[in-house]
Amino acid sequence: MEKIKFIYLDVGDTLIHLKIPAGKIYHDILKSHNVIEDVLEESVLRKYFSNSWNQMNKKNPLDHKCRYTNHPKGNDGFWRELIGIFLSNFNKEELTEKIYLEIVNTFNDPISWTIDESFYTLYEIASRKNVGFGIISNWDFRLRNLLKNLHLFEYFKNV
């Protein structure tokens, strides 16, 4: 019996890409709620987000456990802290529930994402060769729903 072969893909910036950079999404939502007033160049916003993400990565569990569920305040605590670090670039600390949910829901919304243009070609070629697809990712628990809403979940045997 022939073993089934698999190609495993990461999700963020491999399978799917944000249409608008994360820092700009944060900035635009915070600005729309009058939390910040500055209008900054995208390169500065990328730097702010990247620095915030890097600070959070320094806090990852050393034993490779999930950064989200092992955050002292759980998945939401992780994202709230990350957004708080981003806000500190503007010397602000306001993060209302409404703003937090708007940011989180923007990243959950399939309209915020684009599927990598090479995916369907790769899938077609792999299918002809009896190669299955799987996902290996450090995404949080919302990944399955996002893949379903992007109509991608059915392409993967292992997630």
N, C-alpha and C. Protein backbone atom coordinates (compact mmCIF):
# COMPACT_ATOMS: atom_id res chain seq x y z
N MET A 1 0.83 -1.17 0.00
CA MET A 1 0.00 0.00 0.00
C MET A 1 0.88 1.25 0.00
N GLU A 2 0.60 2.15 -0.91
CA GLU A 2 1.38 3.38 -1.02
C GLU A 2 0.99 4.36 0.08
N LYS A 3 2.01 4.94 0.72
CA LYS A 3 1.75 5.95 1.74
C LYS A 3 1.25 7.22 1.08
N ILE A 4 0.32 7.88 1.75
CA ILE A 4 -0.15 9.18 1.26
C ILE A 4 0.87 10.22 1.70
N LYS A 5 1.28 11.03 0.76
CA LYS A 5 2.22 12.10 1.05
C LYS A 5 1.44 13.38 1.29
N PHE A 6 2.04 14.26 2.10
CA PHE A 6 1.40 15.53 2.42
C PHE A 6 2.37 16.68 2.23
N ILE A 7 1.80 17.79 1.85
CA ILE A 7 2.51 19.07 1.87
C ILE A 7 1.85 19.86 3.00
N TYR A 8 2.67 20.33 3.93
CA TYR A 8 2.15 21.14 5.03
C TYR A 8 2.52 22.60 4.79
N LEU A 9 1.52 23.45 4.96
CA LEU A 9 1.71 24.88 4.76
C LEU A 9 1.53 25.63 6.06
N ASP A 10 2.28 26.71 6.19
CA ASP A 10 2.00 27.68 7.23
C ASP A 10 0.85 28.54 6.71
N VAL A 11 0.25 29.35 7.53
CA VAL A 11 -0.90 30.13 7.09
C VAL A 11 -0.51 31.58 6.80
N GLY A 12 -0.09 32.31 7.83
CA GLY A 12 0.17 33.74 7.69
C GLY A 12 1.35 34.02 6.78
N ASP A 13 1.11 34.81 5.76
CA ASP A 13 2.11 35.22 4.76
C ASP A 13 2.65 34.04 3.94
N THR A 14 1.94 32.94 3.97
CA THR A 14 2.25 31.80 3.10
C THR A 14 0.99 31.44 2.32
N LEU A 15 -0.02 30.99 3.04
CA LEU A 15 -1.30 30.63 2.41
C LEU A 15 -2.18 31.87 2.22
N ILE A 16 -2.23 32.71 3.23
CA ILE A 16 -3.03 33.93 3.14
C ILE A 16 -2.19 35.14 3.55
N HIS A 17 -2.62 36.29 3.05
CA HIS A 17 -1.91 37.54 3.33
C HIS A 17 -2.94 38.60 3.69
N LEU A 18 -2.58 39.44 4.65
CA LEU A 18 -3.45 40.58 4.95
C LEU A 18 -3.46 41.53 3.77
N LYS A 19 -4.63 42.07 3.47
CA LYS A 19 -4.73 43.07 2.40
C LYS A 19 -4.14 44.39 2.86
N ILE A 20 -4.26 44.68 4.14
CA ILE A 20 -3.72 45.90 4.75
C ILE A 20 -2.80 45.44 5.89
N PRO A 21 -1.60 46.00 6.01
CA PRO A 21 -0.70 45.58 7.09
C PRO A 21 -1.34 45.73 8.48
N ALA A 22 -0.97 44.82 9.38
CA ALA A 22 -1.56 44.79 10.72
C ALA A 22 -1.43 46.14 11.43
N GLY A 23 -0.27 46.76 11.37
CA GLY A 23 -0.08 48.05 12.04
C GLY A 23 -1.02 49.11 11.52
N LYS A 24 -1.29 49.09 10.23
CA LYS A 24 -2.22 50.07 9.65
C LYS A 24 -3.66 49.78 10.10
N ILE A 25 -4.00 48.49 10.20
CA ILE A 25 -5.33 48.13 10.70
C ILE A 25 -5.50 48.66 12.12
N TYR A 26 -4.52 48.40 12.98
CA TYR A 26 -4.59 48.89 14.36
C TYR A 26 -4.74 50.41 14.36
N HIS A 27 -3.85 51.07 13.62
CA HIS A 27 -3.83 52.53 13.56
C HIS A 27 -5.18 53.09 13.11
N ASP A 28 -5.71 52.55 12.02
CA ASP A 28 -6.95 53.09 11.47
C ASP A 28 -8.12 52.92 12.43
N ILE A 29 -8.18 51.79 13.10
CA ILE A 29 -9.26 51.57 14.07
C ILE A 29 -9.09 52.49 15.26
N LEU A 30 -7.88 52.60 15.78
CA LEU A 30 -7.64 53.48 16.92
C LEU A 30 -7.93 54.94 16.56
N LYS A 31 -7.56 55.33 15.35
CA LYS A 31 -7.82 56.70 14.90
C LYS A 31 -9.33 56.93 14.74
N SER A 32 -10.04 55.94 14.22
CA SER A 32 -11.49 56.10 14.02
C SER A 32 -12.24 56.27 15.34
N HIS A 33 -11.63 55.81 16.43
CA HIS A 33 -12.23 55.95 17.76
C HIS A 33 -11.61 57.12 18.54
N ASN A 34 -10.82 57.93 17.84
CA ASN A 34 -10.18 59.11 18.44
C ASN A 34 -9.25 58.78 19.60
N VAL A 35 -8.69 57.57 19.59
CA VAL A 35 -7.71 57.21 20.61
C VAL A 35 -6.36 57.83 20.25
N ILE A 36 -6.05 57.85 18.97
CA ILE A 36 -4.83 58.49 18.50
C ILE A 36 -5.20 59.52 17.45
N GLU A 37 -4.36 60.51 17.32
CA GLU A 37 -4.61 61.57 16.36
C GLU A 37 -3.62 61.54 15.20
N ASP A 38 -2.48 60.95 15.43
CA ASP A 38 -1.41 60.96 14.43
C ASP A 38 -1.79 60.19 13.18
N VAL A 39 -1.34 60.69 12.05
CA VAL A 39 -1.42 59.94 10.81
C VAL A 39 0.03 59.64 10.44
N LEU A 40 0.37 58.38 10.41
CA LEU A 40 1.76 57.99 10.19
C LEU A 40 1.92 57.21 8.90
N GLU A 41 3.14 57.24 8.39
CA GLU A 41 3.45 56.47 7.19
C GLU A 41 3.37 54.98 7.51
N GLU A 42 3.05 54.21 6.47
CA GLU A 42 2.90 52.77 6.66
C GLU A 42 4.19 52.13 7.18
N SER A 43 5.35 52.62 6.75
CA SER A 43 6.62 52.04 7.21
C SER A 43 6.78 52.20 8.73
N VAL A 44 6.34 53.33 9.27
CA VAL A 44 6.41 53.55 10.72
C VAL A 44 5.44 52.60 11.43
N LEU A 45 4.24 52.44 10.88
CA LEU A 45 3.25 51.55 11.48
C LEU A 45 3.73 50.11 11.45
N ARG A 46 4.38 49.71 10.35
CA ARG A 46 4.94 48.35 10.28
C ARG A 46 5.98 48.16 11.39
N LYS A 47 6.81 49.19 11.58
CA LYS A 47 7.84 49.11 12.61
C LYS A 47 7.20 49.00 13.99
N TYR A 48 6.19 49.81 14.26
CA TYR A 48 5.51 49.75 15.56
C TYR A 48 4.92 48.36 15.79
N PHE A 49 4.26 47.82 14.77
CA PHE A 49 3.65 46.50 14.94
C PHE A 49 4.73 45.44 15.10
N SER A 50 5.75 45.49 14.28
CA SER A 50 6.84 44.51 14.35
C SER A 50 7.51 44.54 15.73
N ASN A 51 7.77 45.74 16.24
CA ASN A 51 8.38 45.85 17.57
C ASN A 51 7.45 45.29 18.64
N SER A 52 6.15 45.55 18.51
CA SER A 52 5.18 45.03 19.48
C SER A 52 5.16 43.51 19.44
N TRP A 53 5.14 42.95 18.23
CA TRP A 53 5.13 41.49 18.07
C TRP A 53 6.41 40.89 18.65
N ASN A 54 7.55 41.53 18.38
CA ASN A 54 8.82 41.02 18.90
C ASN A 54 8.86 41.04 20.42
N GLN A 55 8.29 42.07 21.03
CA GLN A 55 8.23 42.12 22.50
C GLN A 55 7.39 40.97 23.04
N MET A 56 6.29 40.69 22.37
CA MET A 56 5.45 39.57 22.81
C MET A 56 6.16 38.24 22.60
N ASN A 57 6.92 38.11 21.52
CA ASN A 57 7.65 36.87 21.26
C ASN A 57 8.68 36.58 22.33
N LYS A 58 9.23 37.61 22.94
CA LYS A 58 10.20 37.41 24.03
C LYS A 58 9.55 36.75 25.24
N LYS A 59 8.23 36.80 25.31
CA LYS A 59 7.50 36.24 26.44
C LYS A 59 6.96 34.84 26.14
N ASN A 60 7.25 34.29 24.97
CA ASN A 60 6.75 32.96 24.62
C ASN A 60 7.23 31.92 25.61
N PRO A 61 6.40 30.94 25.92
CA PRO A 61 6.83 29.86 26.80
C PRO A 61 8.08 29.16 26.22
N LEU A 62 9.03 28.89 27.08
CA LEU A 62 10.28 28.28 26.63
C LEU A 62 10.10 26.85 26.15
N ASP A 63 9.06 26.18 26.60
CA ASP A 63 8.85 24.78 26.26
C ASP A 63 7.98 24.61 25.01
N HIS A 64 7.88 25.65 24.20
CA HIS A 64 7.16 25.63 22.92
C HIS A 64 5.66 25.40 23.07
N LYS A 65 5.13 25.71 24.23
CA LYS A 65 3.68 25.64 24.39
C LYS A 65 3.04 26.81 23.67
N CYS A 66 1.75 26.73 23.47
CA CYS A 66 1.01 27.75 22.76
C CYS A 66 1.11 29.10 23.47
N ARG A 67 1.56 30.11 22.76
CA ARG A 67 1.73 31.45 23.33
C ARG A 67 0.40 32.07 23.73
N TYR A 68 -0.67 31.64 23.08
CA TYR A 68 -1.98 32.25 23.32
C TYR A 68 -2.66 31.65 24.55
N THR A 69 -2.78 30.35 24.58
CA THR A 69 -3.48 29.71 25.70
C THR A 69 -2.63 29.73 26.97
N ASN A 70 -1.32 29.89 26.84
CA ASN A 70 -0.46 29.92 28.02
C ASN A 70 -0.15 31.33 28.49
N HIS A 71 -0.74 32.32 27.85
CA HIS A 71 -0.62 33.69 28.35
C HIS A 71 -1.35 33.73 29.70
N PRO A 72 -0.84 34.47 30.68
CA PRO A 72 -1.52 34.49 31.99
C PRO A 72 -3.00 34.86 31.92
N LYS A 73 -3.39 35.62 30.90
CA LYS A 73 -4.81 36.00 30.76
C LYS A 73 -5.42 35.37 29.51
N GLY A 74 -4.84 34.27 29.05
CA GLY A 74 -5.39 33.52 27.93
C GLY A 74 -5.24 34.22 26.59
N ASN A 75 -5.95 33.69 25.60
CA ASN A 75 -5.87 34.18 24.23
C ASN A 75 -6.18 35.68 24.14
N ASP A 76 -7.29 36.09 24.75
CA ASP A 76 -7.65 37.52 24.72
C ASP A 76 -6.59 38.36 25.41
N GLY A 77 -6.05 37.85 26.50
CA GLY A 77 -5.00 38.58 27.21
C GLY A 77 -3.77 38.81 26.34
N PHE A 78 -3.42 37.80 25.55
CA PHE A 78 -2.28 37.95 24.64
C PHE A 78 -2.52 39.11 23.69
N TRP A 79 -3.70 39.11 23.03
CA TRP A 79 -3.98 40.13 22.02
C TRP A 79 -4.15 41.50 22.65
N ARG A 80 -4.76 41.56 23.82
CA ARG A 80 -4.91 42.85 24.51
C ARG A 80 -3.53 43.44 24.86
N GLU A 81 -2.64 42.57 25.32
CA GLU A 81 -1.30 43.04 25.66
C GLU A 81 -0.56 43.52 24.42
N LEU A 82 -0.67 42.77 23.33
CA LEU A 82 -0.02 43.18 22.08
C LEU A 82 -0.55 44.54 21.61
N ILE A 83 -1.86 44.70 21.63
CA ILE A 83 -2.45 45.98 21.21
C ILE A 83 -2.01 47.09 22.16
N GLY A 84 -1.91 46.77 23.45
CA GLY A 84 -1.43 47.75 24.43
C GLY A 84 -0.01 48.20 24.16
N ILE A 85 0.84 47.27 23.78
CA ILE A 85 2.23 47.62 23.43
C ILE A 85 2.23 48.52 22.21
N PHE A 86 1.40 48.18 21.21
CA PHE A 86 1.29 49.01 20.02
C PHE A 86 0.83 50.43 20.42
N LEU A 87 -0.17 50.51 21.28
CA LEU A 87 -0.70 51.80 21.74
C LEU A 87 0.37 52.63 22.45
N SER A 88 1.27 51.95 23.15
CA SER A 88 2.30 52.68 23.90
C SER A 88 3.19 53.52 22.98
N ASN A 89 3.24 53.19 21.70
CA ASN A 89 4.00 54.00 20.74
C ASN A 89 3.39 55.40 20.61
N PHE A 90 2.13 55.52 20.98
CA PHE A 90 1.42 56.79 20.90
C PHE A 90 1.22 57.40 22.29
N ASN A 91 1.90 56.81 23.29
CA ASN A 91 1.74 57.24 24.68
C ASN A 91 0.28 57.17 25.12
N LYS A 92 -0.40 56.11 24.69
CA LYS A 92 -1.81 55.90 25.03
C LYS A 92 -1.97 54.54 25.68
N GLU A 93 -2.98 54.44 26.51
CA GLU A 93 -3.27 53.16 27.15
C GLU A 93 -4.73 52.78 27.04
N GLU A 94 -5.54 53.60 26.36
CA GLU A 94 -6.97 53.32 26.24
C GLU A 94 -7.22 52.12 25.33
N LEU A 95 -7.88 51.13 25.85
CA LEU A 95 -8.32 50.03 25.01
C LEU A 95 -9.67 49.57 25.53
N THR A 96 -10.70 50.12 24.96
CA THR A 96 -12.04 49.74 25.38
C THR A 96 -12.40 48.39 24.77
N GLU A 97 -13.41 47.78 25.32
CA GLU A 97 -13.89 46.49 24.80
C GLU A 97 -14.33 46.65 23.34
N LYS A 98 -14.99 47.74 23.03
CA LYS A 98 -15.47 47.99 21.67
C LYS A 98 -14.31 48.03 20.68
N ILE A 99 -13.24 48.74 21.03
CA ILE A 99 -12.08 48.85 20.15
C ILE A 99 -11.40 47.49 20.01
N TYR A 100 -11.21 46.82 21.14
CA TYR A 100 -10.58 45.50 21.10
C TYR A 100 -11.35 44.56 20.17
N LEU A 101 -12.66 44.51 20.34
CA LEU A 101 -13.47 43.61 19.50
C LEU A 101 -13.44 44.01 18.03
N GLU A 102 -13.39 45.29 17.75
CA GLU A 102 -13.30 45.72 16.35
C GLU A 102 -11.99 45.26 15.72
N ILE A 103 -10.90 45.39 16.46
CA ILE A 103 -9.60 44.94 15.94
C ILE A 103 -9.63 43.43 15.73
N VAL A 104 -10.04 42.68 16.75
CA VAL A 104 -10.08 41.21 16.64
C VAL A 104 -10.98 40.78 15.50
N ASN A 105 -12.14 41.38 15.39
CA ASN A 105 -13.09 40.99 14.35
C ASN A 105 -12.58 41.32 12.95
N THR A 106 -11.78 42.36 12.84
CA THR A 106 -11.19 42.69 11.53
C THR A 106 -10.28 41.56 11.07
N PHE A 107 -9.51 40.98 12.01
CA PHE A 107 -8.62 39.88 11.65
C PHE A 107 -9.37 38.58 11.44
N ASN A 108 -10.57 38.46 11.99
CA ASN A 108 -11.41 37.28 11.78
C ASN A 108 -12.19 37.35 10.48
N ASP A 109 -12.28 38.53 9.91
CA ASP A 109 -13.12 38.77 8.74
C ASP A 109 -12.38 38.31 7.47
N PRO A 110 -12.95 37.40 6.71
CA PRO A 110 -12.27 36.92 5.50
C PRO A 110 -12.00 38.04 4.49
N ILE A 111 -12.75 39.12 4.57
CA ILE A 111 -12.54 40.22 3.63
C ILE A 111 -11.19 40.91 3.86
N SER A 112 -10.60 40.71 5.05
CA SER A 112 -9.31 41.32 5.37
C SER A 112 -8.14 40.56 4.74
N TRP A 113 -8.41 39.40 4.19
CA TRP A 113 -7.35 38.50 3.73
C TRP A 113 -7.45 38.24 2.24
N THR A 114 -6.30 37.90 1.67
CA THR A 114 -6.26 37.41 0.29
C THR A 114 -5.53 36.07 0.29
N ILE A 115 -6.00 35.17 -0.54
CA ILE A 115 -5.38 33.84 -0.65
C ILE A 115 -4.22 33.95 -1.63
N ASP A 116 -3.10 33.35 -1.26
CA ASP A 116 -1.92 33.42 -2.13
C ASP A 116 -2.28 32.88 -3.51
N GLU A 117 -1.90 33.62 -4.52
CA GLU A 117 -2.30 33.28 -5.89
C GLU A 117 -1.76 31.94 -6.37
N SER A 118 -0.71 31.44 -5.76
CA SER A 118 -0.13 30.16 -6.21
C SER A 118 -0.80 28.95 -5.55
N PHE A 119 -1.65 29.18 -4.53
CA PHE A 119 -2.20 28.05 -3.80
C PHE A 119 -2.99 27.09 -4.68
N TYR A 120 -3.92 27.60 -5.47
CA TYR A 120 -4.79 26.71 -6.24
C TYR A 120 -4.01 25.93 -7.29
N THR A 121 -2.99 26.54 -7.87
CA THR A 121 -2.14 25.83 -8.83
C THR A 121 -1.38 24.71 -8.13
N LEU A 122 -0.82 25.03 -6.96
CA LEU A 122 -0.11 24.01 -6.18
C LEU A 122 -1.04 22.88 -5.79
N TYR A 123 -2.25 23.23 -5.37
CA TYR A 123 -3.22 22.21 -4.98
C TYR A 123 -3.56 21.30 -6.16
N GLU A 124 -3.77 21.88 -7.31
CA GLU A 124 -4.11 21.09 -8.50
C GLU A 124 -2.98 20.13 -8.86
N ILE A 125 -1.76 20.61 -8.84
CA ILE A 125 -0.60 19.76 -9.17
C ILE A 125 -0.46 18.65 -8.12
N ALA A 126 -0.57 19.00 -6.85
CA ALA A 126 -0.43 18.01 -5.78
C ALA A 126 -1.53 16.95 -5.86
N SER A 127 -2.74 17.37 -6.17
CA SER A 127 -3.86 16.42 -6.26
C SER A 127 -3.63 15.40 -7.36
N ARG A 128 -3.09 15.85 -8.48
CA ARG A 128 -2.80 14.91 -9.59
C ARG A 128 -1.76 13.88 -9.18
N LYS A 129 -0.91 14.23 -8.23
CA LYS A 129 0.15 13.32 -7.78
C LYS A 129 -0.23 12.61 -6.48
N ASN A 130 -1.54 12.71 -6.09
CA ASN A 130 -2.05 12.07 -4.88
C ASN A 130 -1.33 12.55 -3.62
N VAL A 131 -1.05 13.85 -3.58
CA VAL A 131 -0.41 14.46 -2.42
C VAL A 131 -1.46 15.30 -1.71
N GLY A 132 -1.63 15.05 -0.42
CA GLY A 132 -2.60 15.79 0.37
C GLY A 132 -2.01 17.06 0.95
N PHE A 133 -2.87 17.87 1.52
CA PHE A 133 -2.45 19.12 2.13
C PHE A 133 -2.77 19.14 3.62
N GLY A 134 -1.88 19.77 4.37
CA GLY A 134 -2.09 19.98 5.80
C GLY A 134 -1.62 21.37 6.18
N ILE A 135 -2.01 21.79 7.36
CA ILE A 135 -1.61 23.09 7.91
C ILE A 135 -0.81 22.84 9.17
N ILE A 136 0.32 23.51 9.27
CA ILE A 136 1.07 23.60 10.52
C ILE A 136 1.23 25.08 10.78
N SER A 137 0.71 25.55 11.90
CA SER A 137 0.72 26.98 12.13
C SER A 137 0.72 27.30 13.61
N ASN A 138 1.27 28.45 13.94
CA ASN A 138 1.21 28.94 15.32
C ASN A 138 0.10 29.97 15.49
N TRP A 139 -0.91 29.90 14.63
CA TRP A 139 -2.09 30.76 14.69
C TRP A 139 -2.87 30.43 15.96
N ASP A 140 -3.72 31.33 16.39
CA ASP A 140 -4.52 31.03 17.57
C ASP A 140 -5.75 30.20 17.19
N PHE A 141 -6.63 29.97 18.18
CA PHE A 141 -7.74 29.04 18.00
C PHE A 141 -8.73 29.47 16.92
N ARG A 142 -8.64 30.68 16.43
CA ARG A 142 -9.58 31.18 15.42
C ARG A 142 -9.26 30.70 14.01
N LEU A 143 -8.16 29.98 13.84
CA LEU A 143 -7.71 29.58 12.51
C LEU A 143 -8.74 28.75 11.76
N ARG A 144 -9.30 27.74 12.36
CA ARG A 144 -10.25 26.87 11.65
C ARG A 144 -11.43 27.67 11.09
N ASN A 145 -11.99 28.56 11.90
CA ASN A 145 -13.12 29.36 11.40
C ASN A 145 -12.71 30.27 10.26
N LEU A 146 -11.53 30.86 10.37
CA LEU A 146 -11.07 31.73 9.29
C LEU A 146 -10.89 30.92 8.00
N LEU A 147 -10.28 29.75 8.11
CA LEU A 147 -10.11 28.90 6.92
C LEU A 147 -11.47 28.50 6.33
N LYS A 148 -12.42 28.20 7.19
CA LYS A 148 -13.77 27.86 6.71
C LYS A 148 -14.40 29.06 6.01
N ASN A 149 -14.28 30.24 6.60
CA ASN A 149 -14.88 31.43 6.01
C ASN A 149 -14.20 31.86 4.72
N LEU A 150 -12.95 31.46 4.54
CA LEU A 150 -12.23 31.73 3.29
C LEU A 150 -12.44 30.61 2.27
N HIS A 151 -13.23 29.61 2.65
CA HIS A 151 -13.51 28.43 1.80
C HIS A 151 -12.22 27.68 1.47
N LEU A 152 -11.33 27.60 2.46
CA LEU A 152 -10.07 26.87 2.30
C LEU A 152 -10.01 25.59 3.13
N PHE A 153 -10.81 25.51 4.17
CA PHE A 153 -10.70 24.40 5.11
C PHE A 153 -10.82 23.05 4.42
N GLU A 154 -11.70 22.96 3.45
CA GLU A 154 -11.94 21.67 2.79
C GLU A 154 -10.75 21.17 1.97
N TYR A 155 -9.77 22.01 1.73
CA TYR A 155 -8.57 21.61 0.98
C TYR A 155 -7.56 20.86 1.84
N PHE A 156 -7.75 20.89 3.16
CA PHE A 156 -6.73 20.36 4.08
C PHE A 156 -7.26 19.17 4.85
N LYS A 157 -6.47 18.08 4.84
CA LYS A 157 -6.85 16.88 5.57
C LYS A 157 -6.39 16.99 7.03
N ASN A 158 -5.31 17.72 7.26
CA ASN A 158 -4.76 17.88 8.61
C ASN A 158 -4.58 19.36 8.91
N VAL A 159 -5.16 19.79 10.02
CA VAL A 159 -4.98 21.18 10.45
C VAL A 159 -4.54 21.16 11.89
